């Protein structure tokens, strides 16, 4: 069993915030994969279902970001899970918008949700870092993450979330590389190569004209009936 945790803040006021991208991902996974309806539990909301052959519990802590670890710790104890069974989706300032990276362990880099996770379950859990970009100065970070995504962000944001949904089963199975490929195919789809037709990319050529038939030989030797002696005489005339 895996516990997929989306980090964010509860309530309509925060629903569209950059800080809530983790909520957005697990909401879409629940919707697309046909998970059970959300219900209140573990100081948050949970939904259960399957991704591939793996049973997965989705969790959205409602303790507010700074206390997320309380909810996660409670869920882990109930299901008797280890930190290695936990995958956390969260916003990442240090990645360009639309990028995603899977990381196991490490520091919290000042992220208050991860800081709380470290306090309650340790650092040895997996996290999916979802790039939202950086506002450019540390004094602007709080306002930036607690602001809604701009309209100009909607296309890459939707691609990123869809990519996470596409790769969710691979992530549940422990295949982070396959998950990363699924995200990449959504965010940076391959260019069309002519619809799969190997001839489509070849340069256009003009058909060669058929070769002209060789002209018949006109060598007079073929029709000369003189004897060798006569030819010699004629030569010295």
C-alpha atoms as a PDB file:
ATOM      1  CA  UNK A   1       0.000   0.000   0.000  1.00  0.00           C
ATOM      2  CA  UNK A   2       1.083   3.551  -0.778  1.00  0.00           C
ATOM      3  CA  UNK A   3       0.048   6.816   0.842  1.00  0.00           C
ATOM      4  CA  UNK A   4      -0.047   9.682  -1.660  1.00  0.00           C
ATOM      5  CA  UNK A   5      -0.137  13.023   0.148  1.00  0.00           C
ATOM      6  CA  UNK A   6      -0.998  16.316  -1.510  1.00  0.00           C
ATOM      7  CA  UNK A   7       0.128  19.389   0.403  1.00  0.00           C
ATOM      8  CA  UNK A   8      -1.937  22.567   0.506  1.00  0.00           C
ATOM      9  CA  UNK A   9      -4.225  24.701   2.625  1.00  0.00           C
ATOM     10  CA  UNK A  10      -7.927  23.878   3.115  1.00  0.00           C
ATOM     11  CA  UNK A  11     -10.787  26.103   2.033  1.00  0.00           C
ATOM     12  CA  UNK A  12     -11.967  27.885  -1.102  1.00  0.00           C
ATOM     13  CA  UNK A  13      -9.803  30.909  -0.297  1.00  0.00           C
ATOM     14  CA  UNK A  14      -6.635  28.911  -1.009  1.00  0.00           C
ATOM     15  CA  UNK A  15      -7.903  26.484  -3.660  1.00  0.00           C
ATOM     16  CA  UNK A  16      -6.178  28.167  -6.617  1.00  0.00           C
ATOM     17  CA  UNK A  17      -2.944  29.087  -4.813  1.00  0.00           C
ATOM     18  CA  UNK A  18       0.466  27.963  -6.077  1.00  0.00           C
ATOM     19  CA  UNK A  19       0.978  26.445  -2.615  1.00  0.00           C
ATOM     20  CA  UNK A  20      -1.961  24.126  -3.308  1.00  0.00           C
ATOM     21  CA  UNK A  21      -0.643  22.350  -6.367  1.00  0.00           C
ATOM     22  CA  UNK A  22      -0.275  19.169  -4.290  1.00  0.00           C
ATOM     23  CA  UNK A  23      -4.014  19.210  -3.550  1.00  0.00           C
ATOM     24  CA  UNK A  24      -4.710  19.754  -7.252  1.00  0.00           C
ATOM     25  CA  UNK A  25      -2.707  16.670  -8.248  1.00  0.00           C
ATOM     26  CA  UNK A  26      -4.312  14.231  -5.799  1.00  0.00           C
ATOM     27  CA  UNK A  27      -7.768  15.630  -6.620  1.00  0.00           C
ATOM     28  CA  UNK A  28      -7.170  14.873 -10.295  1.00  0.00           C
ATOM     29  CA  UNK A  29      -5.799  11.394  -9.548  1.00  0.00           C
ATOM     30  CA  UNK A  30      -8.917  10.601  -7.501  1.00  0.00           C
ATOM     31  CA  UNK A  31     -11.153  11.855 -10.320  1.00  0.00           C
ATOM     32  CA  UNK A  32      -9.394  10.202 -13.244  1.00  0.00           C
ATOM     33  CA  UNK A  33      -8.676   6.858 -11.550  1.00  0.00           C
ATOM     34  CA  UNK A  34     -12.176   6.453 -10.110  1.00  0.00           C
ATOM     35  CA  UNK A  35     -11.240   6.523  -6.433  1.00  0.00           C
ATOM     36  CA  UNK A  36     -13.841   6.391  -3.626  1.00  0.00           C
ATOM     37  CA  UNK A  37     -15.465   9.689  -2.561  1.00  0.00           C
ATOM     38  CA  UNK A  38     -13.407  11.849  -0.202  1.00  0.00           C
ATOM     39  CA  UNK A  39     -14.174  11.447   3.503  1.00  0.00           C
ATOM     40  CA  UNK A  40     -12.969  13.183   6.635  1.00  0.00           C
ATOM     41  CA  UNK A  41     -10.266  11.277   8.513  1.00  0.00           C
ATOM     42  CA  UNK A  42      -6.790  11.810  10.040  1.00  0.00           C
ATOM     43  CA  UNK A  43      -7.350  15.577  10.382  1.00  0.00           C
ATOM     44  CA  UNK A  44      -7.771  15.680   6.643  1.00  0.00           C
ATOM     45  CA  UNK A  45      -9.617  14.107   3.734  1.00  0.00           C
ATOM     46  CA  UNK A  46      -8.891  10.652   2.343  1.00  0.00           C
ATOM     47  CA  UNK A  47      -9.874   8.703  -0.753  1.00  0.00           C
ATOM     48  CA  UNK A  48      -8.981   5.081  -1.460  1.00  0.00           C
ATOM     49  CA  UNK A  49      -8.520   3.184  -4.704  1.00  0.00           C
ATOM     50  CA  UNK A  50      -6.040   1.313  -6.896  1.00  0.00           C
ATOM     51  CA  UNK A  51      -3.366   2.441  -9.307  1.00  0.00           C
ATOM     52  CA  UNK A  52      -2.311  -0.501 -11.421  1.00  0.00           C
ATOM     53  CA  UNK A  53      -2.062  -3.401  -8.986  1.00  0.00           C
ATOM     54  CA  UNK A  54      -1.200  -1.197  -6.005  1.00  0.00           C
ATOM     55  CA  UNK A  55      -3.696  -0.083  -3.365  1.00  0.00           C
ATOM     56  CA  UNK A  56      -3.297   3.656  -2.761  1.00  0.00           C
ATOM     57  CA  UNK A  57      -4.690   6.025  -0.134  1.00  0.00           C
ATOM     58  CA  UNK A  58      -4.846   9.689  -1.119  1.00  0.00           C
ATOM     59  CA  UNK A  59      -4.599  12.219   1.719  1.00  0.00           C
ATOM     60  CA  UNK A  60      -5.138  15.983   1.834  1.00  0.00           C
ATOM     61  CA  UNK A  61      -4.206  17.262   5.313  1.00  0.00           C
ATOM     62  CA  UNK A  62      -6.584  19.962   6.564  1.00  0.00           C
ATOM     63  CA  UNK A  63      -4.340  21.094   9.389  1.00  0.00           C
ATOM     64  CA  UNK A  64      -2.997  23.944   7.203  1.00  0.00           C
ATOM     65  CA  UNK A  65       0.394  23.629   5.567  1.00  0.00           C
ATOM     66  CA  UNK A  66       2.548  24.263   8.639  1.00  0.00           C
ATOM     67  CA  UNK A  67       1.059  21.271  10.498  1.00  0.00           C
ATOM     68  CA  UNK A  68       0.743  18.798   7.615  1.00  0.00           C
ATOM     69  CA  UNK A  69       2.931  16.205   9.364  1.00  0.00           C
ATOM     70  CA  UNK A  70       0.344  15.668  12.098  1.00  0.00           C
ATOM     71  CA  UNK A  71      -2.213  14.366   9.616  1.00  0.00           C
ATOM     72  CA  UNK A  72       0.308  12.256   7.704  1.00  0.00           C
ATOM     73  CA  UNK A  73       1.718  10.707  10.884  1.00  0.00           C
ATOM     74  CA  UNK A  74      -1.769   9.743  12.045  1.00  0.00           C
ATOM     75  CA  UNK A  75      -2.578   8.082   8.713  1.00  0.00           C
ATOM     76  CA  UNK A  76       0.720   6.187   8.714  1.00  0.00           C
ATOM     77  CA  UNK A  77       0.116   4.777  12.167  1.00  0.00           C
ATOM     78  CA  UNK A  78      -3.413   3.683  11.252  1.00  0.00           C
ATOM     79  CA  UNK A  79      -2.289   1.831   8.104  1.00  0.00           C
ATOM     80  CA  UNK A  80       0.984   0.644   9.689  1.00  0.00           C
ATOM     81  CA  UNK A  81       3.094   2.238   6.956  1.00  0.00           C
ATOM     82  CA  UNK A  82       6.760   3.213   6.822  1.00  0.00           C
ATOM     83  CA  UNK A  83       8.124   6.513   5.488  1.00  0.00           C
ATOM     84  CA  UNK A  84       9.199   4.651   2.329  1.00  0.00           C
ATOM     85  CA  UNK A  85       5.499   4.004   1.612  1.00  0.00           C
ATOM     86  CA  UNK A  86       4.718   7.734   1.521  1.00  0.00           C
ATOM     87  CA  UNK A  87       4.823   9.983  -1.575  1.00  0.00           C
ATOM     88  CA  UNK A  88       4.282  13.708  -1.061  1.00  0.00           C
ATOM     89  CA  UNK A  89       3.288  16.097  -3.880  1.00  0.00           C
ATOM     90  CA  UNK A  90       4.316  19.692  -3.166  1.00  0.00           C
ATOM     91  CA  UNK A  91       5.145  23.018  -4.801  1.00  0.00           C
ATOM     92  CA  UNK A  92       8.830  23.665  -5.535  1.00  0.00           C
ATOM     93  CA  UNK A  93      10.232  27.195  -5.916  1.00  0.00           C
ATOM     94  CA  UNK A  94      13.602  25.970  -7.158  1.00  0.00           C
ATOM     95  CA  UNK A  95      12.206  24.264 -10.270  1.00  0.00           C
ATOM     96  CA  UNK A  96      11.019  26.017 -13.409  1.00  0.00           C
ATOM     97  CA  UNK A  97       7.251  26.067 -13.951  1.00  0.00           C
ATOM     98  CA  UNK A  98       6.022  22.779 -15.387  1.00  0.00           C
ATOM     99  CA  UNK A  99       9.007  20.702 -14.273  1.00  0.00           C
ATOM    100  CA  UNK A 100       8.663  17.724 -11.924  1.00  0.00           C
ATOM    101  CA  UNK A 101      11.332  15.786 -10.066  1.00  0.00           C
ATOM    102  CA  UNK A 102      11.083  12.778  -7.759  1.00  0.00           C
ATOM    103  CA  UNK A 103      13.340  12.832  -4.723  1.00  0.00           C
ATOM    104  CA  UNK A 104      13.825  10.492  -1.771  1.00  0.00           C
ATOM    105  CA  UNK A 105      14.966  11.924   1.551  1.00  0.00           C
ATOM    106  CA  UNK A 106      16.959  15.120   1.945  1.00  0.00           C
ATOM    107  CA  UNK A 107      16.193  18.442   3.564  1.00  0.00           C
ATOM    108  CA  UNK A 108      12.996  20.474   3.542  1.00  0.00           C
ATOM    109  CA  UNK A 109      14.602  23.584   1.931  1.00  0.00           C
ATOM    110  CA  UNK A 110      12.469  25.877   4.079  1.00  0.00           C
ATOM    111  CA  UNK A 111       9.144  24.449   2.830  1.00  0.00           C
ATOM    112  CA  UNK A 112       6.853  24.605   5.873  1.00  0.00           C
ATOM    113  CA  UNK A 113       4.820  21.562   4.861  1.00  0.00           C
ATOM    114  CA  UNK A 114       7.939  19.434   4.457  1.00  0.00           C
ATOM    115  CA  UNK A 115       9.378  20.850   7.677  1.00  0.00           C
ATOM    116  CA  UNK A 116       6.325  19.535   9.520  1.00  0.00           C
ATOM    117  CA  UNK A 117       6.632  16.182   7.740  1.00  0.00           C
ATOM    118  CA  UNK A 118      10.253  15.885   8.888  1.00  0.00           C
ATOM    119  CA  UNK A 119       9.208  16.577  12.470  1.00  0.00           C
ATOM    120  CA  UNK A 120       6.515  13.892  12.506  1.00  0.00           C
ATOM    121  CA  UNK A 121       7.742  11.063  10.239  1.00  0.00           C
ATOM    122  CA  UNK A 122      11.401  11.813   9.512  1.00  0.00           C
ATOM    123  CA  UNK A 123      12.965  12.581   6.139  1.00  0.00           C
ATOM    124  CA  UNK A 124      12.976   9.166   4.436  1.00  0.00           C
ATOM    125  CA  UNK A 125       9.850   9.580   2.343  1.00  0.00           C
ATOM    126  CA  UNK A 126       9.484  10.224  -1.384  1.00  0.00           C
ATOM    127  CA  UNK A 127       8.476  13.612  -2.619  1.00  0.00           C
ATOM    128  CA  UNK A 128       7.370  14.839  -6.050  1.00  0.00           C
ATOM    129  CA  UNK A 129       8.670  18.366  -6.473  1.00  0.00           C
ATOM    130  CA  UNK A 130       6.322  20.316  -8.716  1.00  0.00           C
ATOM    131  CA  UNK A 131       7.989  23.382 -10.208  1.00  0.00           C
ATOM    132  CA  UNK A 132       6.184  26.717  -9.823  1.00  0.00           C
ATOM    133  CA  UNK A 133       9.177  29.008 -10.403  1.00  0.00           C
ATOM    134  CA  UNK A 134      10.591  31.647  -8.055  1.00  0.00           C
ATOM    135  CA  UNK A 135       9.379  35.248  -7.690  1.00  0.00           C
ATOM    136  CA  UNK A 136      12.984  36.469  -7.793  1.00  0.00           C
ATOM    137  CA  UNK A 137      13.499  37.589  -4.206  1.00  0.00           C
ATOM    138  CA  UNK A 138      13.022  35.751  -0.919  1.00  0.00           C
ATOM    139  CA  UNK A 139      10.937  38.604   0.519  1.00  0.00           C
ATOM    140  CA  UNK A 140       8.304  37.960  -2.154  1.00  0.00           C
ATOM    141  CA  UNK A 141       8.037  34.196  -1.618  1.00  0.00           C
ATOM    142  CA  UNK A 142       5.171  34.169   0.927  1.00  0.00           C
ATOM    143  CA  UNK A 143       2.942  36.357  -1.216  1.00  0.00           C
ATOM    144  CA  UNK A 144       3.880  34.432  -4.338  1.00  0.00           C
ATOM    145  CA  UNK A 145       3.005  30.942  -3.079  1.00  0.00           C
ATOM    146  CA  UNK A 146      -0.209  32.190  -1.463  1.00  0.00           C
ATOM    147  CA  UNK A 147      -1.372  33.798  -4.713  1.00  0.00           C
ATOM    148  CA  UNK A 148      -3.394  32.045  -7.392  1.00  0.00           C
ATOM    149  CA  UNK A 149      -1.778  30.749 -10.553  1.00  0.00           C
ATOM    150  CA  UNK A 150      -1.992  33.331 -13.334  1.00  0.00           C
ATOM    151  CA  UNK A 151      -4.118  32.743 -16.430  1.00  0.00           C
ATOM    152  CA  UNK A 152      -0.907  32.446 -18.436  1.00  0.00           C
ATOM    153  CA  UNK A 153       0.080  29.461 -16.249  1.00  0.00           C
ATOM    154  CA  UNK A 154      -2.999  27.387 -16.959  1.00  0.00           C
ATOM    155  CA  UNK A 155      -1.712  25.477 -19.986  1.00  0.00           C
ATOM    156  CA  UNK A 156       1.537  24.219 -18.457  1.00  0.00           C
ATOM    157  CA  UNK A 157      -0.203  23.652 -15.108  1.00  0.00           C
ATOM    158  CA  UNK A 158      -2.817  21.412 -16.701  1.00  0.00           C
ATOM    159  CA  UNK A 159      -0.128  19.518 -18.636  1.00  0.00           C
ATOM    160  CA  UNK A 160       1.884  18.997 -15.451  1.00  0.00           C
ATOM    161  CA  UNK A 161      -1.110  17.718 -13.498  1.00  0.00           C
ATOM    162  CA  UNK A 162      -2.182  15.436 -16.355  1.00  0.00           C
ATOM    163  CA  UNK A 163       1.355  14.087 -16.557  1.00  0.00           C
ATOM    164  CA  UNK A 164       1.267  13.243 -12.854  1.00  0.00           C
ATOM    165  CA  UNK A 165      -2.006  11.388 -13.383  1.00  0.00           C
ATOM    166  CA  UNK A 166      -0.579   9.510 -16.379  1.00  0.00           C
ATOM    167  CA  UNK A 167       2.436   8.389 -14.348  1.00  0.00           C
ATOM    168  CA  UNK A 168       0.680   7.771 -11.031  1.00  0.00           C
ATOM    169  CA  UNK A 169       0.511   3.977 -11.430  1.00  0.00           C
ATOM    170  CA  UNK A 170       4.236   3.825 -12.221  1.00  0.00           C
ATOM    171  CA  UNK A 171       4.964   5.962  -9.163  1.00  0.00           C
ATOM    172  CA  UNK A 172       2.870   3.659  -6.975  1.00  0.00           C
ATOM    173  CA  UNK A 173       4.898   0.724  -8.327  1.00  0.00           C
ATOM    174  CA  UNK A 174       8.158   2.481  -7.427  1.00  0.00           C
ATOM    175  CA  UNK A 175       9.171   3.322 -11.004  1.00  0.00           C
ATOM    176  CA  UNK A 176      10.089   7.004 -10.734  1.00  0.00           C
ATOM    177  CA  UNK A 177      11.802   7.023 -14.142  1.00  0.00           C
ATOM    178  CA  UNK A 178       8.617   5.914 -15.902  1.00  0.00           C
ATOM    179  CA  UNK A 179       6.682   8.512 -13.931  1.00  0.00           C
ATOM    180  CA  UNK A 180       9.106  11.190 -15.099  1.00  0.00           C
ATOM    181  CA  UNK A 181       8.700  10.066 -18.709  1.00  0.00           C
ATOM    182  CA  UNK A 182       4.911  10.324 -18.428  1.00  0.00           C
ATOM    183  CA  UNK A 183       5.178  13.891 -17.162  1.00  0.00           C
ATOM    184  CA  UNK A 184       7.681  14.769 -19.875  1.00  0.00           C
ATOM    185  CA  UNK A 185       5.402  13.487 -22.634  1.00  0.00           C
ATOM    186  CA  UNK A 186       2.656  15.824 -21.436  1.00  0.00           C
ATOM    187  CA  UNK A 187       4.797  18.883 -20.772  1.00  0.00           C
ATOM    188  CA  UNK A 188       7.105  18.463 -23.797  1.00  0.00           C
ATOM    189  CA  UNK A 189       5.254  16.278 -26.319  1.00  0.00           C
ATOM    190  CA  UNK A 190       7.333  15.009 -29.252  1.00  0.00           C
ATOM    191  CA  UNK A 191       6.931  16.882 -32.512  1.00  0.00           C
ATOM    192  CA  UNK A 192       4.931  15.222 -35.254  1.00  0.00           C
ATOM    193  CA  UNK A 193       7.049  13.073 -37.555  1.00  0.00           C
ATOM    194  CA  UNK A 194       4.600  12.817 -40.466  1.00  0.00           C
ATOM    195  CA  UNK A 195       2.006  10.572 -38.847  1.00  0.00           C
ATOM    196  CA  UNK A 196       4.237   7.522 -38.656  1.00  0.00           C
ATOM    197  CA  UNK A 197       4.704   7.229 -42.408  1.00  0.00           C
ATOM    198  CA  UNK A 198       8.449   6.676 -43.031  1.00  0.00           C
ATOM    199  CA  UNK A 199       8.110   8.240 -46.483  1.00  0.00           C
ATOM    200  CA  UNK A 200       6.544  11.429 -45.091  1.00  0.00           C
ATOM    201  CA  UNK A 201       9.842  13.003 -44.076  1.00  0.00           C
ATOM    202  CA  UNK A 202      11.688  12.259 -47.280  1.00  0.00           C
ATOM    203  CA  UNK A 203      12.354  15.222 -49.617  1.00  0.00           C
ATOM    204  CA  UNK A 204      10.156  15.373 -52.676  1.00  0.00           C
ATOM    205  CA  UNK A 205      11.899  14.192 -55.830  1.00  0.00           C
ATOM    206  CA  UNK A 206      11.024  14.461 -59.530  1.00  0.00           C
ATOM    207  CA  UNK A 207      10.602  11.067 -61.175  1.00  0.00           C
ATOM    208  CA  UNK A 208      13.378  10.196 -63.608  1.00  0.00           C
ATOM    209  CA  UNK A 209      12.399   9.986 -67.265  1.00  0.00           C
ATOM    210  CA  UNK A 210      12.845   6.509 -68.724  1.00  0.00           C
ATOM    211  CA  UNK A 211      16.103   6.127 -70.655  1.00  0.00           C
ATOM    212  CA  UNK A 212      15.878   6.697 -74.379  1.00  0.00           C
ATOM    213  CA  UNK A 213      16.386   3.584 -76.514  1.00  0.00           C
ATOM    214  CA  UNK A 214      19.849   3.377 -78.014  1.00  0.00           C
ATOM    215  CA  UNK A 215      20.103   4.546 -81.599  1.00  0.00           C
ATOM    216  CA  UNK A 216      20.646   1.685 -84.077  1.00  0.00           C
ATOM    217  CA  UNK A 217      24.226   1.216 -85.120  1.00  0.00           C
ATOM    218  CA  UNK A 218      25.123   2.724 -88.485  1.00  0.00           C
ATOM    219  CA  UNK A 219      28.590   1.280 -88.823  1.00  0.00           C
ATOM    220  CA  UNK A 220      29.171   0.804 -92.586  1.00  0.00           C
ATOM    221  CA  UNK A 221      31.256  -2.266 -91.842  1.00  0.00           C
ATOM    222  CA  UNK A 222      28.020  -4.168 -91.117  1.00  0.00           C
ATOM    223  CA  UNK A 223      26.761  -3.657 -94.761  1.00  0.00           C
ATOM    224  CA  UNK A 224      30.128  -3.722 -96.616  1.00  0.00           C
ATOM    225  CA  UNK A 225      30.287  -6.869 -98.769  1.00  0.00           C
ATOM    226  CA  UNK A 226      33.698  -6.195-100.377  1.00  0.00           C
ATOM    227  CA  UNK A 227      36.430  -8.751 -99.976  1.00  0.00           C
ATOM    228  CA  UNK A 228      39.532  -7.818 -97.966  1.00  0.00           C
ATOM    229  CA  UNK A 229      41.561  -7.680-101.180  1.00  0.00           C
ATOM    230  CA  UNK A 230      39.071  -5.328-102.835  1.00  0.00           C
ATOM    231  CA  UNK A 231      39.062  -3.097 -99.762  1.00  0.00           C
ATOM    232  CA  UNK A 232      42.854  -2.873 -99.928  1.00  0.00           C
ATOM    233  CA  UNK A 233      42.805  -1.966-103.609  1.00  0.00           C
ATOM    234  CA  UNK A 234      40.164   0.695-103.068  1.00  0.00           C
ATOM    235  CA  UNK A 235      42.238   2.193-100.254  1.00  0.00           C
ATOM    236  CA  UNK A 236      45.168   2.967-102.603  1.00  0.00           C
ATOM    237  CA  UNK A 237      43.164   4.295-105.509  1.00  0.00           C
END
